[in-house]
Amino acid sequence: MIIGIDIGGTNVRALIVEPEGALVVDRRRASSSGNGPALVATIVGLVDQLVTASHDFDRLNGIGLGVAGLAGRSGTLRWSPNLPEVVEFPLGPELEEKTGLPVTMTNDASAAAWAEHQLGAGRDVDDFAMVTLGTGIGAGFVMGGRLLWGAEGYAGEVGHMLVARDGPFHHTGQQGPWEHFASGTALGRLGREAAAAGHFSVGLAMAESVDDIDGHHVGRAIAAGDPEAEGILEEFCREVALGLSNLVVVLDPSRVVLGGGLSGIGEP
């Protein structure tokens, strides 16, 4: 059995799965807002809960750790939008010491890609791209049946791929990255721009002001069948498609799999 841990911006989710993917036990806890040792303590607490609930520590083979950002193969987080105080902290080695289990750490989108290859939408192909659409954009690639790591384990940061040389500046300091146009943050911005122009009255009614409109309001309006929200979604999808088309011509995948919180937006 394997322990899988997903470190998000607000929550840490941990679970135990059988080799074929069957869920054994699942736990969740609010992310620590502190430093590396505080996060380790949170994760160790979750691991203890899982072990207690499963009653089978001897069958555990290791821990797979997924985190947003530049997760080095050495187990050190080089950069993360969600965990700035954990950057350059040896998270993997510290967890190995505290739990007594081997730890493999990677970017959360790369972890999702491998999971899809083993158990999900990429199981029947050896070359595919997994793109996660959420607050930001991430990706993982399986090529020739193997996860594409890159020299340092940082492959897949497609949200920072430049698509508009003279475009707006992103919070990272980049000018015109894909993430600025095609993420959940971008969807909220499109909603605010539409409302300010008088073209998103449903969203404005949901929020207290134009400035409070975010991607969730757009999603709710789409689910309600609002035609103005559907127009916002169409513009958003064009931006998503632009980046996906670039990935396709570079990597030649058999399939592109979409995941993340925005992947189901617009579905009935």
Protein backbone atom coordinates (compact mmCIF):
# COMPACT_ATOMS: atom_id res chain seq x y z
CA MET A 1 0.00 0.00 0.00
CA ILE A 2 1.04 3.60 -0.59
CA ILE A 3 0.32 6.83 1.25
CA GLY A 4 -0.52 9.71 -1.08
CA ILE A 5 -0.35 13.29 0.18
CA ASP A 6 -1.54 16.40 -1.65
CA ILE A 7 -0.40 19.72 -0.19
CA GLY A 8 -2.71 22.51 -1.31
CA GLY A 9 -2.91 26.16 -0.44
CA THR A 10 -5.54 25.63 2.26
CA ASN A 11 -5.64 21.89 2.97
CA VAL A 12 -3.42 18.85 3.20
CA ARG A 13 -5.13 15.65 2.08
CA ALA A 14 -3.66 12.25 2.85
CA LEU A 15 -4.87 8.79 1.92
CA ILE A 16 -3.81 5.17 1.71
CA VAL A 17 -4.43 3.28 -1.53
CA GLU A 18 -3.99 -0.30 -2.62
CA PRO A 19 -1.70 -0.97 -5.62
CA GLU A 20 -4.73 -1.20 -7.93
CA GLY A 21 -5.97 2.20 -6.69
CA ALA A 22 -8.66 1.18 -4.20
CA LEU A 23 -9.02 3.74 -1.41
CA VAL A 24 -8.33 2.34 2.06
CA VAL A 25 -8.62 5.44 4.24
CA ASP A 26 -8.72 9.21 3.67
CA ARG A 27 -7.96 12.17 5.95
CA ARG A 28 -7.76 15.95 5.50
CA ARG A 29 -6.41 18.79 7.63
CA ALA A 30 -6.00 22.53 7.20
CA SER A 31 -2.55 23.45 5.89
CA SER A 32 -0.16 24.91 8.38
CA SER A 33 0.53 28.56 7.66
CA GLY A 34 3.91 28.25 9.29
CA ASN A 35 7.32 27.03 8.21
CA GLY A 36 8.73 23.70 7.13
CA PRO A 37 8.80 22.02 10.56
CA ALA A 38 5.17 23.04 11.14
CA LEU A 39 4.13 21.49 7.82
CA VAL A 40 6.06 18.32 8.64
CA ALA A 41 4.22 18.11 11.97
CA THR A 42 0.89 18.45 10.16
CA ILE A 43 1.75 15.71 7.67
CA VAL A 44 3.13 13.37 10.34
CA GLY A 45 -0.10 13.82 12.29
CA LEU A 46 -2.11 12.82 9.24
CA VAL A 47 0.13 9.82 8.58
CA ASP A 48 -0.37 8.69 12.19
CA GLN A 49 -4.14 8.93 11.71
CA LEU A 50 -3.97 6.88 8.52
CA VAL A 51 -1.82 4.19 10.10
CA THR A 52 -4.13 3.97 13.12
CA ALA A 53 -7.21 3.70 10.91
CA SER A 54 -5.70 1.10 8.55
CA HIS A 55 -4.12 -1.09 11.28
CA ASP A 56 -1.48 -2.21 8.77
CA PHE A 57 1.79 -0.24 8.90
CA ASP A 58 3.82 -3.25 7.75
CA ARG A 59 2.14 -3.20 4.31
CA LEU A 60 3.02 0.45 3.65
CA ASN A 61 5.71 0.81 0.98
CA GLY A 62 6.22 4.57 0.99
CA ILE A 63 4.81 8.06 0.66
CA GLY A 64 4.09 9.95 -2.55
CA LEU A 65 4.01 13.71 -2.00
CA GLY A 66 2.49 16.17 -4.47
CA VAL A 67 2.91 19.92 -4.07
CA ALA A 68 2.33 22.96 -6.27
CA GLY A 69 5.55 24.57 -7.45
CA LEU A 70 9.10 23.52 -8.24
CA ALA A 71 9.41 20.30 -6.29
CA GLY A 72 12.95 19.02 -6.73
CA ARG A 73 13.71 15.32 -7.00
CA SER A 74 15.90 15.70 -3.91
CA GLY A 75 12.78 16.36 -1.83
CA THR A 76 13.41 20.09 -1.48
CA LEU A 77 10.82 22.63 -2.58
CA ARG A 78 12.57 25.26 -4.73
CA TRP A 79 9.57 27.54 -5.26
CA SER A 80 5.87 27.41 -4.45
CA PRO A 81 3.03 29.94 -4.70
CA ASN A 82 1.23 28.30 -1.77
CA LEU A 83 4.12 27.58 0.60
CA PRO A 84 6.69 30.40 0.42
CA GLU A 85 7.96 29.68 3.94
CA VAL A 86 8.75 26.07 3.02
CA VAL A 87 10.94 26.98 0.03
CA GLU A 88 14.45 25.47 0.32
CA PHE A 89 13.30 23.29 3.22
CA PRO A 90 14.20 19.56 2.86
CA LEU A 91 10.60 18.41 3.13
CA GLY A 92 11.11 14.92 1.71
CA PRO A 93 14.12 13.97 3.86
CA GLU A 94 12.47 15.35 7.01
CA LEU A 95 9.34 13.28 6.39
CA GLU A 96 11.42 10.17 5.77
CA GLU A 97 13.15 10.68 9.11
CA LYS A 98 9.91 11.29 11.02
CA THR A 99 7.81 8.51 9.44
CA GLY A 100 10.38 5.83 8.69
CA LEU A 101 9.01 5.51 5.15
CA PRO A 102 10.66 6.40 1.82
CA VAL A 103 9.26 9.62 0.32
CA THR A 104 9.02 10.61 -3.34
CA MET A 105 8.10 14.25 -3.93
CA THR A 106 7.02 15.84 -7.19
CA ASN A 107 4.88 18.62 -8.57
CA ASP A 108 1.19 17.96 -7.98
CA ALA A 109 0.35 18.04 -11.69
CA SER A 110 3.09 15.52 -12.47
CA ALA A 111 1.70 13.30 -9.72
CA ALA A 112 -1.76 13.64 -11.29
CA ALA A 113 -0.36 12.69 -14.69
CA TRP A 114 1.17 9.50 -13.35
CA ALA A 115 -2.04 8.64 -11.50
CA GLU A 116 -4.04 9.06 -14.72
CA HIS A 117 -1.54 6.84 -16.54
CA GLN A 118 -1.80 4.11 -13.93
CA LEU A 119 -5.49 4.24 -13.11
CA GLY A 120 -7.40 6.80 -15.15
CA ALA A 121 -7.84 8.57 -18.47
CA GLY A 122 -4.27 7.90 -19.64
CA ARG A 123 -4.12 4.22 -18.79
CA ASP A 124 -4.38 3.00 -22.38
CA VAL A 125 -1.82 5.38 -23.95
CA ASP A 126 1.93 5.85 -23.45
CA ASP A 127 2.17 9.47 -24.59
CA PHE A 128 -0.18 12.07 -23.14
CA ALA A 129 -0.28 15.47 -21.49
CA MET A 130 -2.10 16.14 -18.22
CA VAL A 131 -3.02 19.80 -17.72
CA THR A 132 -4.51 21.00 -14.44
CA LEU A 133 -6.66 24.13 -14.53
CA GLY A 134 -7.17 25.75 -11.16
CA THR A 135 -6.06 28.97 -9.51
CA GLY A 136 -3.00 28.52 -11.73
CA ILE A 137 -2.06 26.07 -14.47
CA GLY A 138 0.14 23.03 -14.09
CA ALA A 139 1.00 20.05 -16.25
CA GLY A 140 2.59 16.64 -16.21
CA PHE A 141 3.70 14.61 -19.21
CA VAL A 142 3.96 10.88 -19.78
CA MET A 143 6.18 10.10 -22.76
CA GLY A 144 6.98 6.56 -23.83
CA GLY A 145 5.17 5.26 -20.76
CA ARG A 146 7.43 7.19 -18.38
CA LEU A 147 6.87 10.38 -16.43
CA LEU A 148 8.83 13.28 -17.90
CA TRP A 149 10.85 14.81 -15.06
CA GLY A 150 13.37 17.15 -16.69
CA ALA A 151 16.94 17.62 -15.46
CA GLU A 152 15.93 18.79 -11.97
CA GLY A 153 12.38 17.44 -11.82
CA TYR A 154 10.76 20.74 -12.81
CA ALA A 155 9.18 19.76 -16.14
CA GLY A 156 5.57 20.83 -16.62
CA GLU A 157 5.45 24.48 -15.50
CA VAL A 158 3.37 25.35 -18.55
CA GLY A 159 1.45 28.11 -16.80
CA HIS A 160 4.59 30.22 -17.14
CA MET A 161 4.89 29.58 -20.88
CA LEU A 162 4.79 32.96 -22.61
CA VAL A 163 1.90 33.42 -25.04
CA ALA A 164 1.78 37.24 -25.34
CA ARG A 165 5.15 38.98 -25.57
CA ASP A 166 3.60 42.41 -24.97
CA GLY A 167 0.90 41.15 -22.60
CA PRO A 168 0.19 42.14 -19.00
CA PHE A 169 2.65 41.37 -16.22
CA HIS A 170 1.90 38.36 -14.03
CA HIS A 171 2.47 38.34 -10.26
CA THR A 172 5.64 36.32 -10.92
CA GLY A 173 7.07 39.25 -12.88
CA GLN A 174 6.65 37.52 -16.24
CA GLN A 175 5.01 39.35 -19.09
CA GLY A 176 2.21 37.53 -20.88
CA PRO A 177 2.35 33.99 -19.42
CA TRP A 178 -0.43 31.52 -20.28
CA GLU A 179 -1.55 31.39 -16.65
CA HIS A 180 -2.51 35.06 -16.78
CA PHE A 181 -5.08 34.32 -19.49
CA ALA A 182 -6.32 30.78 -18.86
CA SER A 183 -6.43 30.05 -15.11
CA GLY A 184 -9.16 30.36 -12.49
CA THR A 185 -7.73 33.75 -11.61
CA ALA A 186 -8.06 34.75 -15.26
CA LEU A 187 -11.68 33.57 -15.38
CA GLY A 188 -12.49 35.84 -12.46
CA ARG A 189 -10.78 38.75 -14.17
CA LEU A 190 -12.82 38.16 -17.33
CA GLY A 191 -15.96 38.18 -15.19
CA ARG A 192 -15.01 41.48 -13.56
CA GLU A 193 -14.20 43.06 -16.90
CA ALA A 194 -17.55 41.93 -18.33
CA ALA A 195 -19.46 43.21 -15.29
CA ALA A 196 -17.69 46.57 -15.42
CA ALA A 197 -18.78 46.88 -19.05
CA GLY A 198 -22.38 46.02 -18.12
CA HIS A 199 -22.29 42.52 -19.62
CA PHE A 200 -22.45 40.27 -16.55
CA SER A 201 -25.44 41.32 -14.47
CA VAL A 202 -25.98 37.87 -12.95
CA GLY A 203 -22.44 37.76 -11.61
CA LEU A 204 -22.72 41.27 -10.24
CA ALA A 205 -25.91 40.29 -8.42
CA MET A 206 -24.08 37.33 -6.84
CA ALA A 207 -21.15 39.44 -5.61
CA GLU A 208 -21.21 42.58 -3.50
CA SER A 209 -19.35 44.57 -6.11
CA VAL A 210 -17.51 44.23 -9.41
CA ASP A 211 -14.23 43.84 -7.53
CA ASP A 212 -15.61 40.85 -5.59
CA ILE A 213 -16.44 38.79 -8.68
CA ASP A 214 -14.23 35.72 -9.07
CA GLY A 215 -14.15 32.54 -11.07
CA HIS A 216 -16.65 30.84 -8.77
CA HIS A 217 -19.29 33.44 -9.63
CA VAL A 218 -18.70 32.85 -13.32
CA GLY A 219 -18.99 29.10 -12.81
CA ARG A 220 -22.25 29.42 -10.88
CA ALA A 221 -23.70 31.71 -13.54
CA ILE A 222 -22.73 29.23 -16.27
CA ALA A 223 -24.41 26.41 -14.32
CA ALA A 224 -27.55 28.56 -14.13
CA GLY A 225 -27.56 28.96 -17.91
CA ASP A 226 -26.70 32.66 -18.01
CA PRO A 227 -25.86 33.56 -21.64
CA GLU A 228 -23.48 36.36 -20.60
CA ALA A 229 -21.50 33.90 -18.48
CA GLU A 230 -21.42 31.48 -21.39
CA GLY A 231 -19.86 34.23 -23.49
CA ILE A 232 -17.19 34.72 -20.82
CA LEU A 233 -16.55 30.97 -20.86
CA GLU A 234 -16.16 30.98 -24.64
CA GLU A 235 -13.48 33.67 -24.42
CA PHE A 236 -11.78 31.78 -21.60
CA CYS A 237 -11.79 28.53 -23.59
CA ARG A 238 -10.08 30.24 -26.51
CA GLU A 239 -7.21 31.15 -24.19
CA VAL A 240 -7.03 27.61 -22.83
CA ALA A 241 -7.02 26.20 -26.36
CA LEU A 242 -4.14 28.49 -27.39
CA GLY A 243 -1.83 27.00 -24.80
CA LEU A 244 -3.01 23.44 -25.41
CA SER A 245 -2.32 23.78 -29.12
CA ASN A 246 1.26 24.84 -28.33
CA LEU A 247 1.75 21.77 -26.14
CA VAL A 248 0.36 19.50 -28.86
CA VAL A 249 2.74 20.71 -31.57
CA VAL A 250 5.75 20.43 -29.24
CA LEU A 251 5.02 17.07 -27.57
CA ASP A 252 2.78 15.23 -30.08
CA PRO A 253 0.72 13.51 -27.35
CA SER A 254 -1.87 10.86 -28.15
CA ARG A 255 -4.22 12.53 -25.70
CA VAL A 256 -4.62 15.65 -23.59
CA VAL A 257 -6.27 15.10 -20.20
CA LEU A 258 -7.73 18.06 -18.32
CA GLY A 259 -7.98 18.11 -14.53
CA GLY A 260 -8.21 20.57 -11.68
CA GLY A 261 -11.09 22.59 -10.33
CA LEU A 262 -11.95 24.20 -13.66
CA SER A 263 -11.91 21.07 -15.79
CA GLY A 264 -15.64 20.45 -15.37
CA ILE A 265 -16.85 24.01 -15.79
CA GLY A 266 -19.69 24.25 -18.28
CA GLU A 267 -20.56 20.56 -17.91
CA PRO A 268 -24.30 19.83 -17.54
